[in-house]
Amino acid sequence: MAAEAGSGGVVKHILLARFKEDVAPERLDQLIRGYAGLVDLVPSMKAFHWGTDVSIENMHQGFTHVFESTFESTEGVKEYIEHPAHVEFANEFLPVLEKTLIIDYKPTIILRI
């Protein structure tokens, strides 16, 4: 049985990214550190994780990186999006992306009876 999606309030903010080919590895490292640093600047951002595609299924559709941020509520995501530190970072980050996909969701817990 699945618990209601709205229970608990936690929201995951997922960003899938494919960077432009001309982005230097040093610049990419700098951007990822900047993204991770938002967790210390934006109070509503509770956690941050990132990684690169390691799937053997080859269904990534060109996306190479995934970034996951955790918030306590949808209101927290809104605060994050509007926060000056996020706005400043997004103005640096978004122009180096070839394509992106962003999804926010509330994790569902499967309860065993």
N, C-alpha and C. Protein backbone atom coordinates (compact mmCIF):
# COMPACT_ATOMS: atom_id res chain seq x y z
N MET A 1 0.85 -1.17 0.00
CA MET A 1 0.00 0.00 0.00
C MET A 1 0.90 1.24 0.00
N ALA A 2 0.57 2.23 -0.80
CA ALA A 2 1.35 3.46 -0.86
C ALA A 2 0.76 4.52 0.06
N ALA A 3 1.65 5.22 0.74
CA ALA A 3 1.20 6.35 1.55
C ALA A 3 0.86 7.50 0.61
N GLU A 4 0.01 8.41 1.05
CA GLU A 4 -0.35 9.55 0.21
C GLU A 4 0.88 10.37 -0.14
N ALA A 5 0.96 10.83 -1.39
CA ALA A 5 2.11 11.61 -1.85
C ALA A 5 2.28 12.88 -1.03
N GLY A 6 1.20 13.45 -0.52
CA GLY A 6 1.29 14.69 0.23
C GLY A 6 1.76 14.52 1.66
N SER A 7 1.80 13.32 2.17
CA SER A 7 2.20 13.12 3.56
C SER A 7 3.69 13.37 3.75
N GLY A 8 4.03 13.92 4.88
CA GLY A 8 5.43 14.17 5.20
C GLY A 8 5.96 15.48 4.68
N GLY A 9 5.46 15.94 3.58
CA GLY A 9 5.83 17.23 3.05
C GLY A 9 7.14 17.33 2.29
N VAL A 10 8.05 16.34 2.42
CA VAL A 10 9.35 16.44 1.75
C VAL A 10 9.16 16.52 0.24
N VAL A 11 9.94 17.41 -0.39
CA VAL A 11 9.91 17.56 -1.85
C VAL A 11 11.32 17.40 -2.37
N LYS A 12 11.46 16.59 -3.41
CA LYS A 12 12.72 16.41 -4.12
C LYS A 12 12.67 17.25 -5.40
N HIS A 13 13.72 18.02 -5.62
CA HIS A 13 13.86 18.87 -6.81
C HIS A 13 14.97 18.23 -7.64
N ILE A 14 14.61 17.67 -8.78
CA ILE A 14 15.55 16.94 -9.62
C ILE A 14 15.83 17.75 -10.88
N LEU A 15 17.10 17.95 -11.18
CA LEU A 15 17.51 18.63 -12.40
C LEU A 15 18.41 17.68 -13.18
N LEU A 16 17.98 17.32 -14.38
CA LEU A 16 18.82 16.54 -15.29
C LEU A 16 19.48 17.53 -16.25
N ALA A 17 20.76 17.32 -16.52
CA ALA A 17 21.50 18.30 -17.32
C ALA A 17 22.37 17.63 -18.37
N ARG A 18 22.46 18.31 -19.49
CA ARG A 18 23.47 18.02 -20.51
C ARG A 18 24.17 19.35 -20.76
N PHE A 19 25.46 19.40 -20.47
CA PHE A 19 26.22 20.63 -20.62
C PHE A 19 26.69 20.80 -22.06
N LYS A 20 26.86 22.05 -22.46
CA LYS A 20 27.40 22.34 -23.78
C LYS A 20 28.80 21.76 -23.87
N GLU A 21 29.17 21.32 -25.07
CA GLU A 21 30.45 20.64 -25.27
C GLU A 21 31.66 21.52 -24.97
N ASP A 22 31.50 22.83 -25.11
CA ASP A 22 32.65 23.73 -24.91
C ASP A 22 32.88 24.14 -23.46
N VAL A 23 32.13 23.56 -22.52
CA VAL A 23 32.33 23.88 -21.10
C VAL A 23 33.56 23.12 -20.60
N ALA A 24 34.56 23.86 -20.15
CA ALA A 24 35.81 23.26 -19.66
C ALA A 24 35.55 22.49 -18.37
N PRO A 25 36.27 21.40 -18.15
CA PRO A 25 36.09 20.62 -16.91
C PRO A 25 36.26 21.46 -15.65
N GLU A 26 37.19 22.41 -15.67
CA GLU A 26 37.40 23.27 -14.50
C GLU A 26 36.17 24.13 -14.23
N ARG A 27 35.56 24.63 -15.30
CA ARG A 27 34.35 25.45 -15.17
C ARG A 27 33.20 24.59 -14.64
N LEU A 28 33.09 23.37 -15.14
CA LEU A 28 32.04 22.47 -14.68
C LEU A 28 32.21 22.17 -13.19
N ASP A 29 33.44 21.91 -12.76
CA ASP A 29 33.70 21.68 -11.33
C ASP A 29 33.30 22.90 -10.50
N GLN A 30 33.62 24.08 -10.99
CA GLN A 30 33.28 25.32 -10.29
C GLN A 30 31.76 25.47 -10.17
N LEU A 31 31.05 25.17 -11.24
CA LEU A 31 29.59 25.27 -11.22
C LEU A 31 28.97 24.27 -10.25
N ILE A 32 29.49 23.05 -10.24
CA ILE A 32 28.94 22.03 -9.34
C ILE A 32 29.20 22.43 -7.88
N ARG A 33 30.38 22.96 -7.59
CA ARG A 33 30.66 23.44 -6.23
C ARG A 33 29.72 24.58 -5.85
N GLY A 34 29.45 25.46 -6.83
CA GLY A 34 28.52 26.55 -6.58
C GLY A 34 27.11 26.06 -6.30
N TYR A 35 26.69 25.04 -7.05
CA TYR A 35 25.36 24.45 -6.84
C TYR A 35 25.30 23.84 -5.43
N ALA A 36 26.32 23.06 -5.08
CA ALA A 36 26.35 22.44 -3.76
C ALA A 36 26.38 23.48 -2.65
N GLY A 37 27.02 24.62 -2.90
CA GLY A 37 27.11 25.67 -1.90
C GLY A 37 25.79 26.35 -1.58
N LEU A 38 24.81 26.18 -2.45
CA LEU A 38 23.50 26.79 -2.20
C LEU A 38 22.85 26.24 -0.93
N VAL A 39 23.19 25.00 -0.56
CA VAL A 39 22.59 24.40 0.63
C VAL A 39 22.97 25.19 1.89
N ASP A 40 24.10 25.90 1.85
CA ASP A 40 24.51 26.73 2.99
C ASP A 40 23.97 28.15 2.91
N LEU A 41 23.43 28.53 1.76
CA LEU A 41 22.94 29.90 1.56
C LEU A 41 21.43 30.03 1.55
N VAL A 42 20.75 28.95 1.19
CA VAL A 42 19.29 28.98 1.07
C VAL A 42 18.69 28.14 2.20
N PRO A 43 18.09 28.77 3.21
CA PRO A 43 17.60 28.03 4.38
C PRO A 43 16.63 26.90 4.07
N SER A 44 15.80 27.04 3.04
CA SER A 44 14.81 26.01 2.74
C SER A 44 15.41 24.78 2.06
N MET A 45 16.66 24.87 1.57
CA MET A 45 17.34 23.75 0.91
C MET A 45 18.02 22.91 1.98
N LYS A 46 17.52 21.71 2.20
CA LYS A 46 17.98 20.88 3.31
C LYS A 46 19.10 19.92 2.93
N ALA A 47 19.20 19.51 1.66
CA ALA A 47 20.24 18.57 1.24
C ALA A 47 20.47 18.71 -0.26
N PHE A 48 21.65 18.29 -0.69
CA PHE A 48 22.02 18.34 -2.10
C PHE A 48 22.89 17.13 -2.43
N HIS A 49 22.57 16.48 -3.54
CA HIS A 49 23.37 15.37 -4.07
C HIS A 49 23.47 15.53 -5.58
N TRP A 50 24.54 15.01 -6.14
CA TRP A 50 24.67 15.04 -7.59
C TRP A 50 25.47 13.83 -8.05
N GLY A 51 25.38 13.55 -9.33
CA GLY A 51 26.16 12.46 -9.91
C GLY A 51 26.06 12.49 -11.42
N THR A 52 26.80 11.58 -12.04
CA THR A 52 26.76 11.45 -13.49
C THR A 52 26.12 10.12 -13.86
N ASP A 53 25.62 10.05 -15.08
CA ASP A 53 24.94 8.85 -15.56
C ASP A 53 25.89 7.66 -15.59
N VAL A 54 25.47 6.57 -14.99
CA VAL A 54 26.24 5.33 -15.01
C VAL A 54 25.40 4.16 -15.53
N SER A 55 24.25 4.47 -16.09
CA SER A 55 23.32 3.44 -16.54
C SER A 55 23.87 2.65 -17.72
N ILE A 56 23.60 1.36 -17.74
CA ILE A 56 23.97 0.52 -18.87
C ILE A 56 22.83 0.41 -19.89
N GLU A 57 21.69 1.02 -19.57
CA GLU A 57 20.52 0.91 -20.44
C GLU A 57 20.55 1.88 -21.62
N ASN A 58 21.42 2.88 -21.58
CA ASN A 58 21.54 3.86 -22.64
C ASN A 58 20.21 4.54 -22.97
N MET A 59 19.47 4.91 -21.91
CA MET A 59 18.19 5.59 -22.10
C MET A 59 18.23 7.01 -21.54
N HIS A 60 19.41 7.57 -21.40
CA HIS A 60 19.62 8.88 -20.77
C HIS A 60 19.20 10.06 -21.64
N GLN A 61 18.92 9.82 -22.90
CA GLN A 61 18.47 10.85 -23.83
C GLN A 61 19.43 12.05 -23.89
N GLY A 62 20.71 11.78 -23.66
CA GLY A 62 21.73 12.82 -23.73
C GLY A 62 22.03 13.50 -22.42
N PHE A 63 21.22 13.26 -21.39
CA PHE A 63 21.49 13.86 -20.09
C PHE A 63 22.68 13.15 -19.46
N THR A 64 23.60 13.92 -18.91
CA THR A 64 24.83 13.36 -18.35
C THR A 64 24.93 13.52 -16.85
N HIS A 65 24.25 14.50 -16.29
CA HIS A 65 24.35 14.81 -14.86
C HIS A 65 22.96 14.89 -14.23
N VAL A 66 22.90 14.51 -12.95
CA VAL A 66 21.66 14.67 -12.19
C VAL A 66 22.00 15.40 -10.89
N PHE A 67 21.14 16.35 -10.55
CA PHE A 67 21.28 17.14 -9.33
C PHE A 67 19.98 17.01 -8.54
N GLU A 68 20.10 16.64 -7.27
CA GLU A 68 18.91 16.43 -6.43
C GLU A 68 19.02 17.33 -5.20
N SER A 69 18.02 18.15 -5.02
CA SER A 69 17.93 19.00 -3.83
C SER A 69 16.70 18.57 -3.04
N THR A 70 16.80 18.64 -1.72
CA THR A 70 15.70 18.23 -0.84
C THR A 70 15.17 19.44 -0.08
N PHE A 71 13.84 19.55 -0.03
CA PHE A 71 13.16 20.64 0.66
C PHE A 71 12.09 20.03 1.56
N GLU A 72 11.68 20.78 2.58
CA GLU A 72 10.66 20.29 3.51
C GLU A 72 9.24 20.48 2.99
N SER A 73 9.09 21.28 1.92
CA SER A 73 7.74 21.55 1.40
C SER A 73 7.84 22.18 0.02
N THR A 74 6.68 22.25 -0.66
CA THR A 74 6.65 22.95 -1.95
C THR A 74 6.91 24.44 -1.74
N GLU A 75 6.52 24.96 -0.59
CA GLU A 75 6.81 26.36 -0.28
C GLU A 75 8.32 26.58 -0.19
N GLY A 76 9.03 25.59 0.32
CA GLY A 76 10.48 25.66 0.39
C GLY A 76 11.12 25.73 -0.98
N VAL A 77 10.57 24.99 -1.94
CA VAL A 77 11.07 25.05 -3.32
C VAL A 77 10.85 26.44 -3.88
N LYS A 78 9.68 27.01 -3.62
CA LYS A 78 9.38 28.37 -4.09
C LYS A 78 10.36 29.38 -3.50
N GLU A 79 10.63 29.25 -2.20
CA GLU A 79 11.60 30.14 -1.55
C GLU A 79 12.97 30.01 -2.19
N TYR A 80 13.37 28.78 -2.50
CA TYR A 80 14.65 28.51 -3.16
C TYR A 80 14.73 29.17 -4.52
N ILE A 81 13.69 28.98 -5.32
CA ILE A 81 13.67 29.54 -6.67
C ILE A 81 13.78 31.06 -6.65
N GLU A 82 13.17 31.69 -5.65
CA GLU A 82 13.17 33.14 -5.56
C GLU A 82 14.36 33.71 -4.79
N HIS A 83 15.11 32.87 -4.10
CA HIS A 83 16.22 33.34 -3.26
C HIS A 83 17.31 34.00 -4.13
N PRO A 84 17.81 35.16 -3.72
CA PRO A 84 18.84 35.86 -4.52
C PRO A 84 20.07 35.02 -4.84
N ALA A 85 20.50 34.15 -3.92
CA ALA A 85 21.66 33.30 -4.20
C ALA A 85 21.37 32.31 -5.31
N HIS A 86 20.14 31.77 -5.34
CA HIS A 86 19.76 30.85 -6.41
C HIS A 86 19.64 31.59 -7.73
N VAL A 87 19.03 32.76 -7.72
CA VAL A 87 18.86 33.55 -8.94
C VAL A 87 20.23 33.86 -9.55
N GLU A 88 21.16 34.29 -8.70
CA GLU A 88 22.52 34.60 -9.18
C GLU A 88 23.19 33.35 -9.75
N PHE A 89 23.07 32.23 -9.06
CA PHE A 89 23.67 30.98 -9.53
C PHE A 89 23.03 30.54 -10.85
N ALA A 90 21.71 30.59 -10.93
CA ALA A 90 21.00 30.16 -12.14
C ALA A 90 21.44 30.98 -13.36
N ASN A 91 21.74 32.26 -13.15
CA ASN A 91 22.19 33.11 -14.25
C ASN A 91 23.56 32.67 -14.78
N GLU A 92 24.34 31.97 -13.97
CA GLU A 92 25.62 31.41 -14.42
C GLU A 92 25.45 30.00 -14.98
N PHE A 93 24.60 29.22 -14.34
CA PHE A 93 24.45 27.79 -14.63
C PHE A 93 23.65 27.52 -15.91
N LEU A 94 22.52 28.14 -16.04
CA LEU A 94 21.62 27.83 -17.15
C LEU A 94 22.22 28.09 -18.53
N PRO A 95 23.01 29.16 -18.73
CA PRO A 95 23.56 29.39 -20.06
C PRO A 95 24.55 28.32 -20.56
N VAL A 96 25.12 27.51 -19.66
CA VAL A 96 26.08 26.49 -20.10
C VAL A 96 25.40 25.14 -20.36
N LEU A 97 24.08 25.09 -20.23
CA LEU A 97 23.35 23.85 -20.47
C LEU A 97 22.91 23.73 -21.93
N GLU A 98 23.13 22.55 -22.48
CA GLU A 98 22.62 22.22 -23.81
C GLU A 98 21.13 21.92 -23.70
N LYS A 99 20.78 21.15 -22.66
CA LYS A 99 19.37 20.88 -22.38
C LYS A 99 19.23 20.50 -20.92
N THR A 100 18.02 20.67 -20.41
CA THR A 100 17.75 20.36 -19.02
C THR A 100 16.30 19.91 -18.85
N LEU A 101 16.08 19.19 -17.77
CA LEU A 101 14.74 18.75 -17.39
C LEU A 101 14.67 18.88 -15.88
N ILE A 102 13.64 19.54 -15.40
CA ILE A 102 13.49 19.74 -13.96
C ILE A 102 12.14 19.18 -13.52
N ILE A 103 12.19 18.37 -12.47
CA ILE A 103 10.97 17.77 -11.92
C ILE A 103 11.02 17.91 -10.39
N ASP A 104 9.91 18.31 -9.81
CA ASP A 104 9.75 18.32 -8.36
C ASP A 104 8.73 17.24 -8.02
N TYR A 105 9.03 16.46 -7.00
CA TYR A 105 8.07 15.42 -6.59
C TYR A 105 8.14 15.19 -5.10
N LYS A 106 7.05 14.65 -4.58
CA LYS A 106 6.97 14.25 -3.18
C LYS A 106 7.15 12.73 -3.16
N PRO A 107 8.21 12.26 -2.50
CA PRO A 107 8.43 10.81 -2.46
C PRO A 107 7.27 10.07 -1.80
N THR A 108 6.96 8.94 -2.36
CA THR A 108 5.91 8.08 -1.83
C THR A 108 6.55 6.89 -1.16
N ILE A 109 6.12 6.60 0.04
CA ILE A 109 6.64 5.47 0.79
C ILE A 109 5.69 4.29 0.60
N ILE A 110 6.25 3.15 0.27
CA ILE A 110 5.44 1.94 0.14
C ILE A 110 5.41 1.25 1.51
N LEU A 111 4.21 1.10 2.02
CA LEU A 111 4.03 0.47 3.32
C LEU A 111 3.71 -1.01 3.14
N ARG A 112 4.38 -1.83 3.88
CA ARG A 112 4.10 -3.27 3.81
C ARG A 112 3.15 -3.63 4.94
N ILE A 113 2.16 -4.39 4.59
CA ILE A 113 1.16 -4.79 5.59
C ILE A 113 1.39 -6.22 5.98
